[in-house]
């Protein structure tokens, strides 16, 4: 089962995501998923720190489960 999330991103991050999608041919959602997976595998104090990193990069985060 998968979950959908909605992120409000700053312009610079949107531009990076669009360019990364164009260059790699990957959908934007796939790029976001891969970046979250990479962040998850790094050594963090808790899983909550992943969402702290995400919230730093976006002005609003909405999770839909």
C-alpha atoms as a PDB file:
ATOM      1  CA  UNK A   1       0.000   0.000   0.000  1.00  0.00           C
ATOM      2  CA  UNK A   2       1.251   3.502  -0.742  1.00  0.00           C
ATOM      3  CA  UNK A   3       0.479   6.858   0.830  1.00  0.00           C
ATOM      4  CA  UNK A   4       0.111  10.246  -0.781  1.00  0.00           C
ATOM      5  CA  UNK A   5       1.641  13.408   0.635  1.00  0.00           C
ATOM      6  CA  UNK A   6       1.313  16.988  -0.531  1.00  0.00           C
ATOM      7  CA  UNK A   7       4.230  19.380  -0.124  1.00  0.00           C
ATOM      8  CA  UNK A   8       4.334  23.113  -0.667  1.00  0.00           C
ATOM      9  CA  UNK A   9       7.874  23.780  -1.860  1.00  0.00           C
ATOM     10  CA  UNK A  10       9.840  26.995  -2.289  1.00  0.00           C
ATOM     11  CA  UNK A  11      10.479  28.091  -5.869  1.00  0.00           C
ATOM     12  CA  UNK A  12      14.164  27.147  -5.844  1.00  0.00           C
ATOM     13  CA  UNK A  13      13.385  23.584  -4.762  1.00  0.00           C
ATOM     14  CA  UNK A  14      10.631  23.254  -7.376  1.00  0.00           C
ATOM     15  CA  UNK A  15      13.038  24.432 -10.064  1.00  0.00           C
ATOM     16  CA  UNK A  16      15.640  21.884  -8.925  1.00  0.00           C
ATOM     17  CA  UNK A  17      13.034  19.102  -8.897  1.00  0.00           C
ATOM     18  CA  UNK A  18      11.750  19.990 -12.359  1.00  0.00           C
ATOM     19  CA  UNK A  19      15.285  20.132 -13.770  1.00  0.00           C
ATOM     20  CA  UNK A  20      16.258  16.847 -12.092  1.00  0.00           C
ATOM     21  CA  UNK A  21      13.142  15.229 -13.577  1.00  0.00           C
ATOM     22  CA  UNK A  22      13.919  16.598 -17.021  1.00  0.00           C
ATOM     23  CA  UNK A  23      17.561  15.472 -16.933  1.00  0.00           C
ATOM     24  CA  UNK A  24      16.947  12.013 -15.479  1.00  0.00           C
ATOM     25  CA  UNK A  25      13.609  11.280 -17.138  1.00  0.00           C
ATOM     26  CA  UNK A  26      12.234  10.243 -13.749  1.00  0.00           C
ATOM     27  CA  UNK A  27       8.886  11.496 -12.431  1.00  0.00           C
ATOM     28  CA  UNK A  28       9.176  14.176  -9.756  1.00  0.00           C
ATOM     29  CA  UNK A  29       7.464  11.908  -7.205  1.00  0.00           C
ATOM     30  CA  UNK A  30      10.060   9.204  -7.804  1.00  0.00           C
ATOM     31  CA  UNK A  31      12.890  11.686  -7.229  1.00  0.00           C
ATOM     32  CA  UNK A  32      11.320  12.829  -3.957  1.00  0.00           C
ATOM     33  CA  UNK A  33      10.857   9.204  -2.879  1.00  0.00           C
ATOM     34  CA  UNK A  34      14.477   8.350  -3.664  1.00  0.00           C
ATOM     35  CA  UNK A  35      15.736  11.407  -1.782  1.00  0.00           C
ATOM     36  CA  UNK A  36      13.656  10.464   1.272  1.00  0.00           C
ATOM     37  CA  UNK A  37      14.983   6.896   1.116  1.00  0.00           C
ATOM     38  CA  UNK A  38      18.563   8.214   1.032  1.00  0.00           C
ATOM     39  CA  UNK A  39      17.845  10.474   3.978  1.00  0.00           C
ATOM     40  CA  UNK A  40      16.248   7.590   5.874  1.00  0.00           C
ATOM     41  CA  UNK A  41      19.323   5.407   5.473  1.00  0.00           C
ATOM     42  CA  UNK A  42      21.625   8.056   6.922  1.00  0.00           C
ATOM     43  CA  UNK A  43      22.419   7.842  10.613  1.00  0.00           C
ATOM     44  CA  UNK A  44      19.783   9.933  12.432  1.00  0.00           C
ATOM     45  CA  UNK A  45      18.857  10.121  16.092  1.00  0.00           C
ATOM     46  CA  UNK A  46      15.226   9.278  15.310  1.00  0.00           C
ATOM     47  CA  UNK A  47      12.828   8.918  12.397  1.00  0.00           C
ATOM     48  CA  UNK A  48      11.344  12.256  13.410  1.00  0.00           C
ATOM     49  CA  UNK A  49      14.534  13.947  12.220  1.00  0.00           C
ATOM     50  CA  UNK A  50      13.648  12.940   8.642  1.00  0.00           C
ATOM     51  CA  UNK A  51      10.515  15.068   8.821  1.00  0.00           C
ATOM     52  CA  UNK A  52      12.471  17.910  10.402  1.00  0.00           C
ATOM     53  CA  UNK A  53      14.690  17.892   7.301  1.00  0.00           C
ATOM     54  CA  UNK A  54      11.666  17.815   4.994  1.00  0.00           C
ATOM     55  CA  UNK A  55       9.976  20.668   6.841  1.00  0.00           C
ATOM     56  CA  UNK A  56      13.133  22.790   6.561  1.00  0.00           C
ATOM     57  CA  UNK A  57      12.915  22.477   2.785  1.00  0.00           C
ATOM     58  CA  UNK A  58       9.224  23.266   2.433  1.00  0.00           C
ATOM     59  CA  UNK A  59       6.994  26.047   3.613  1.00  0.00           C
ATOM     60  CA  UNK A  60       4.042  23.752   4.298  1.00  0.00           C
ATOM     61  CA  UNK A  61       3.717  20.005   4.582  1.00  0.00           C
ATOM     62  CA  UNK A  62       0.442  18.092   4.360  1.00  0.00           C
ATOM     63  CA  UNK A  63       0.430  14.342   4.875  1.00  0.00           C
ATOM     64  CA  UNK A  64      -2.500  12.279   3.624  1.00  0.00           C
ATOM     65  CA  UNK A  65      -2.627   8.669   4.810  1.00  0.00           C
END
